[in-house]
Amino acid sequence: MNTSSNLLVLGVTGQVGNLVAKNLRRSSAQFSVGTRRKANLEALADQFGAARFIDLDDPRTFDEALKTRHGAFSNNWLYG
């Protein structure tokens, strides 16, 4: 099973997260990117295929953002 199809990539507006997302996109992996700025959701979805709202300072946003995800990547932490 390709778990990259179940990833949530955070930090895509930064250098590392952006490189990870671009490489996943190039490999045709199915993944979502996460953002804490609701205003960025549409643009990020256009760029990467799917975007989810998650605010790491608000645990109430975690359940929905991580639904159906088996792992998450961030430059600062790895969940999974």
N, C-alpha and C. Protein backbone atom coordinates (compact mmCIF):
# COMPACT_ATOMS: atom_id res chain seq x y z
N MET A 1 0.84 -1.19 0.00
CA MET A 1 0.00 0.00 0.00
C MET A 1 0.88 1.24 0.00
N ASN A 2 0.57 2.18 -0.83
CA ASN A 2 1.33 3.42 -0.92
C ASN A 2 0.76 4.42 0.08
N THR A 3 1.42 4.57 1.23
CA THR A 3 0.89 5.45 2.26
C THR A 3 1.02 6.92 1.89
N SER A 4 1.81 7.26 0.87
CA SER A 4 1.91 8.66 0.48
C SER A 4 0.57 9.18 -0.04
N SER A 5 -0.32 8.27 -0.45
CA SER A 5 -1.63 8.71 -0.90
C SER A 5 -2.51 9.10 0.27
N ASN A 6 -2.03 8.88 1.47
CA ASN A 6 -2.80 9.20 2.66
C ASN A 6 -2.11 10.24 3.54
N LEU A 7 -1.26 11.05 2.95
CA LEU A 7 -0.50 12.04 3.70
C LEU A 7 -1.18 13.41 3.71
N LEU A 8 -0.94 14.13 4.79
CA LEU A 8 -1.26 15.54 4.87
C LEU A 8 0.07 16.26 5.00
N VAL A 9 0.39 17.14 4.06
CA VAL A 9 1.66 17.87 4.07
C VAL A 9 1.40 19.27 4.58
N LEU A 10 2.12 19.64 5.62
CA LEU A 10 1.99 20.97 6.21
C LEU A 10 3.19 21.83 5.81
N GLY A 11 3.03 23.11 5.93
CA GLY A 11 4.14 24.03 5.67
C GLY A 11 4.45 24.24 4.21
N VAL A 12 3.46 24.09 3.33
CA VAL A 12 3.74 24.19 1.90
C VAL A 12 4.00 25.62 1.44
N THR A 13 3.77 26.59 2.29
CA THR A 13 4.14 27.96 1.92
C THR A 13 5.59 28.25 2.29
N GLY A 14 6.24 27.29 2.96
CA GLY A 14 7.67 27.39 3.27
C GLY A 14 8.47 26.57 2.28
N GLN A 15 9.77 26.60 2.42
CA GLN A 15 10.65 25.95 1.45
C GLN A 15 10.57 24.43 1.50
N VAL A 16 10.69 23.83 2.69
CA VAL A 16 10.74 22.37 2.79
C VAL A 16 9.39 21.75 2.45
N GLY A 17 8.33 22.23 3.06
CA GLY A 17 6.99 21.68 2.79
C GLY A 17 6.61 21.82 1.33
N ASN A 18 6.99 22.93 0.73
CA ASN A 18 6.70 23.15 -0.68
C ASN A 18 7.44 22.14 -1.56
N LEU A 19 8.71 21.88 -1.25
CA LEU A 19 9.47 20.89 -2.02
C LEU A 19 8.88 19.49 -1.87
N VAL A 20 8.48 19.14 -0.65
CA VAL A 20 7.86 17.83 -0.42
C VAL A 20 6.59 17.71 -1.25
N ALA A 21 5.72 18.71 -1.19
CA ALA A 21 4.46 18.66 -1.93
C ALA A 21 4.70 18.62 -3.44
N LYS A 22 5.65 19.40 -3.93
CA LYS A 22 5.94 19.39 -5.37
C LYS A 22 6.46 18.03 -5.82
N ASN A 23 7.30 17.39 -5.01
CA ASN A 23 7.80 16.07 -5.36
C ASN A 23 6.71 15.02 -5.31
N LEU A 24 5.82 15.10 -4.34
CA LEU A 24 4.69 14.17 -4.29
C LEU A 24 3.79 14.37 -5.52
N ARG A 25 3.57 15.61 -5.87
CA ARG A 25 2.73 15.91 -7.04
C ARG A 25 3.37 15.35 -8.32
N ARG A 26 4.69 15.53 -8.44
CA ARG A 26 5.43 15.02 -9.60
C ARG A 26 5.33 13.49 -9.69
N SER A 27 5.26 12.83 -8.55
CA SER A 27 5.20 11.37 -8.53
C SER A 27 3.77 10.86 -8.67
N SER A 28 2.83 11.76 -8.88
CA SER A 28 1.41 11.43 -9.04
C SER A 28 0.79 10.84 -7.78
N ALA A 29 1.40 11.08 -6.62
CA ALA A 29 0.83 10.61 -5.35
C ALA A 29 -0.42 11.43 -5.05
N GLN A 30 -1.37 10.80 -4.39
CA GLN A 30 -2.56 11.51 -3.93
C GLN A 30 -2.32 11.93 -2.49
N PHE A 31 -2.41 13.22 -2.22
CA PHE A 31 -2.14 13.76 -0.89
C PHE A 31 -2.90 15.06 -0.74
N SER A 32 -2.93 15.57 0.45
CA SER A 32 -3.53 16.87 0.73
C SER A 32 -2.49 17.76 1.36
N VAL A 33 -2.66 19.05 1.19
CA VAL A 33 -1.82 20.00 1.90
C VAL A 33 -2.68 20.67 2.97
N GLY A 34 -2.06 21.04 4.06
CA GLY A 34 -2.78 21.69 5.14
C GLY A 34 -2.36 23.13 5.30
N THR A 35 -3.31 23.94 5.70
CA THR A 35 -3.04 25.35 5.95
C THR A 35 -3.88 25.85 7.12
N ARG A 36 -3.33 26.80 7.87
CA ARG A 36 -4.09 27.41 8.95
C ARG A 36 -4.80 28.67 8.48
N ARG A 37 -4.57 29.04 7.24
CA ARG A 37 -5.21 30.24 6.68
C ARG A 37 -6.31 29.82 5.70
N LYS A 38 -7.53 29.98 6.14
CA LYS A 38 -8.67 29.58 5.31
C LYS A 38 -8.65 30.29 3.96
N ALA A 39 -8.12 31.50 3.92
CA ALA A 39 -8.06 32.26 2.67
C ALA A 39 -7.14 31.59 1.65
N ASN A 40 -6.23 30.72 2.09
CA ASN A 40 -5.30 30.05 1.18
C ASN A 40 -5.82 28.72 0.65
N LEU A 41 -6.93 28.23 1.17
CA LEU A 41 -7.41 26.89 0.80
C LEU A 41 -7.61 26.73 -0.70
N GLU A 42 -8.30 27.64 -1.32
CA GLU A 42 -8.61 27.50 -2.75
C GLU A 42 -7.34 27.54 -3.61
N ALA A 43 -6.46 28.48 -3.35
CA ALA A 43 -5.23 28.59 -4.14
C ALA A 43 -4.35 27.35 -3.96
N LEU A 44 -4.25 26.85 -2.73
CA LEU A 44 -3.44 25.65 -2.49
C LEU A 44 -4.07 24.42 -3.13
N ALA A 45 -5.38 24.33 -3.11
CA ALA A 45 -6.06 23.22 -3.77
C ALA A 45 -5.83 23.27 -5.27
N ASP A 46 -5.85 24.46 -5.85
CA ASP A 46 -5.56 24.61 -7.28
C ASP A 46 -4.12 24.18 -7.61
N GLN A 47 -3.21 24.51 -6.72
CA GLN A 47 -1.79 24.22 -6.96
C GLN A 47 -1.45 22.75 -6.72
N PHE A 48 -2.02 22.15 -5.67
CA PHE A 48 -1.60 20.81 -5.27
C PHE A 48 -2.69 19.74 -5.39
N GLY A 49 -3.91 20.13 -5.70
CA GLY A 49 -4.97 19.14 -5.89
C GLY A 49 -5.96 19.03 -4.76
N ALA A 50 -5.53 19.22 -3.52
CA ALA A 50 -6.43 19.15 -2.37
C ALA A 50 -5.81 19.90 -1.20
N ALA A 51 -6.63 20.64 -0.47
CA ALA A 51 -6.15 21.38 0.69
C ALA A 51 -7.15 21.21 1.82
N ARG A 52 -6.62 21.18 3.03
CA ARG A 52 -7.44 21.04 4.24
C ARG A 52 -7.04 22.10 5.25
N PHE A 53 -8.05 22.56 6.00
CA PHE A 53 -7.79 23.53 7.05
C PHE A 53 -7.32 22.80 8.31
N ILE A 54 -6.20 23.25 8.87
CA ILE A 54 -5.71 22.76 10.15
C ILE A 54 -4.93 23.87 10.83
N ASP A 55 -5.26 24.12 12.08
CA ASP A 55 -4.56 25.12 12.88
C ASP A 55 -3.89 24.37 14.02
N LEU A 56 -2.57 24.29 14.00
CA LEU A 56 -1.86 23.52 15.01
C LEU A 56 -1.99 24.12 16.41
N ASP A 57 -2.46 25.34 16.50
CA ASP A 57 -2.73 25.95 17.81
C ASP A 57 -4.14 25.66 18.29
N ASP A 58 -4.95 24.97 17.47
CA ASP A 58 -6.34 24.67 17.82
C ASP A 58 -6.62 23.19 17.58
N PRO A 59 -6.45 22.36 18.59
CA PRO A 59 -6.66 20.91 18.43
C PRO A 59 -8.05 20.53 17.92
N ARG A 60 -9.02 21.42 18.03
CA ARG A 60 -10.36 21.11 17.52
C ARG A 60 -10.36 20.95 16.00
N THR A 61 -9.33 21.45 15.32
CA THR A 61 -9.27 21.35 13.85
C THR A 61 -8.60 20.05 13.39
N PHE A 62 -8.01 19.30 14.30
CA PHE A 62 -7.22 18.13 13.93
C PHE A 62 -8.05 17.00 13.34
N ASP A 63 -9.17 16.66 13.99
CA ASP A 63 -9.96 15.49 13.55
C ASP A 63 -10.37 15.59 12.09
N GLU A 64 -10.91 16.72 11.70
CA GLU A 64 -11.38 16.87 10.31
C GLU A 64 -10.21 16.88 9.33
N ALA A 65 -9.14 17.59 9.69
CA ALA A 65 -7.98 17.69 8.80
C ALA A 65 -7.29 16.35 8.61
N LEU A 66 -7.27 15.53 9.63
CA LEU A 66 -6.56 14.25 9.57
C LEU A 66 -7.45 13.07 9.19
N LYS A 67 -8.75 13.34 8.98
CA LYS A 67 -9.67 12.28 8.59
C LYS A 67 -9.18 11.62 7.30
N THR A 68 -9.09 10.32 7.31
CA THR A 68 -8.63 9.46 6.21
C THR A 68 -7.14 9.61 5.90
N ARG A 69 -6.41 10.36 6.71
CA ARG A 69 -4.97 10.49 6.53
C ARG A 69 -4.29 9.48 7.45
N HIS A 70 -3.27 8.82 6.96
CA HIS A 70 -2.51 7.88 7.77
C HIS A 70 -1.23 8.48 8.29
N GLY A 71 -0.90 9.67 7.84
CA GLY A 71 0.30 10.34 8.30
C GLY A 71 0.29 11.80 7.89
N ALA A 72 1.14 12.56 8.55
CA ALA A 72 1.27 13.97 8.22
C ALA A 72 2.75 14.33 8.23
N PHE A 73 3.14 15.20 7.32
CA PHE A 73 4.52 15.68 7.27
C PHE A 73 4.54 17.17 7.55
N SER A 74 5.45 17.55 8.40
CA SER A 74 5.76 18.95 8.63
C SER A 74 7.26 19.05 8.80
N ASN A 75 7.82 20.16 8.45
CA ASN A 75 9.24 20.41 8.66
C ASN A 75 9.60 20.27 10.14
N ASN A 76 8.62 20.48 11.01
CA ASN A 76 8.87 20.47 12.44
C ASN A 76 8.50 19.16 13.13
N TRP A 77 7.66 18.32 12.51
CA TRP A 77 7.27 17.06 13.14
C TRP A 77 6.73 16.09 12.11
N LEU A 78 6.71 14.83 12.49
CA LEU A 78 6.16 13.78 11.64
C LEU A 78 5.16 12.99 12.46
N TYR A 79 3.95 12.86 11.97
CA TYR A 79 2.90 12.13 12.66
C TYR A 79 2.54 10.92 11.82
N GLY A 80 2.40 9.80 12.44
CA GLY A 80 1.95 8.65 11.67
C GLY A 80 2.38 7.34 12.23
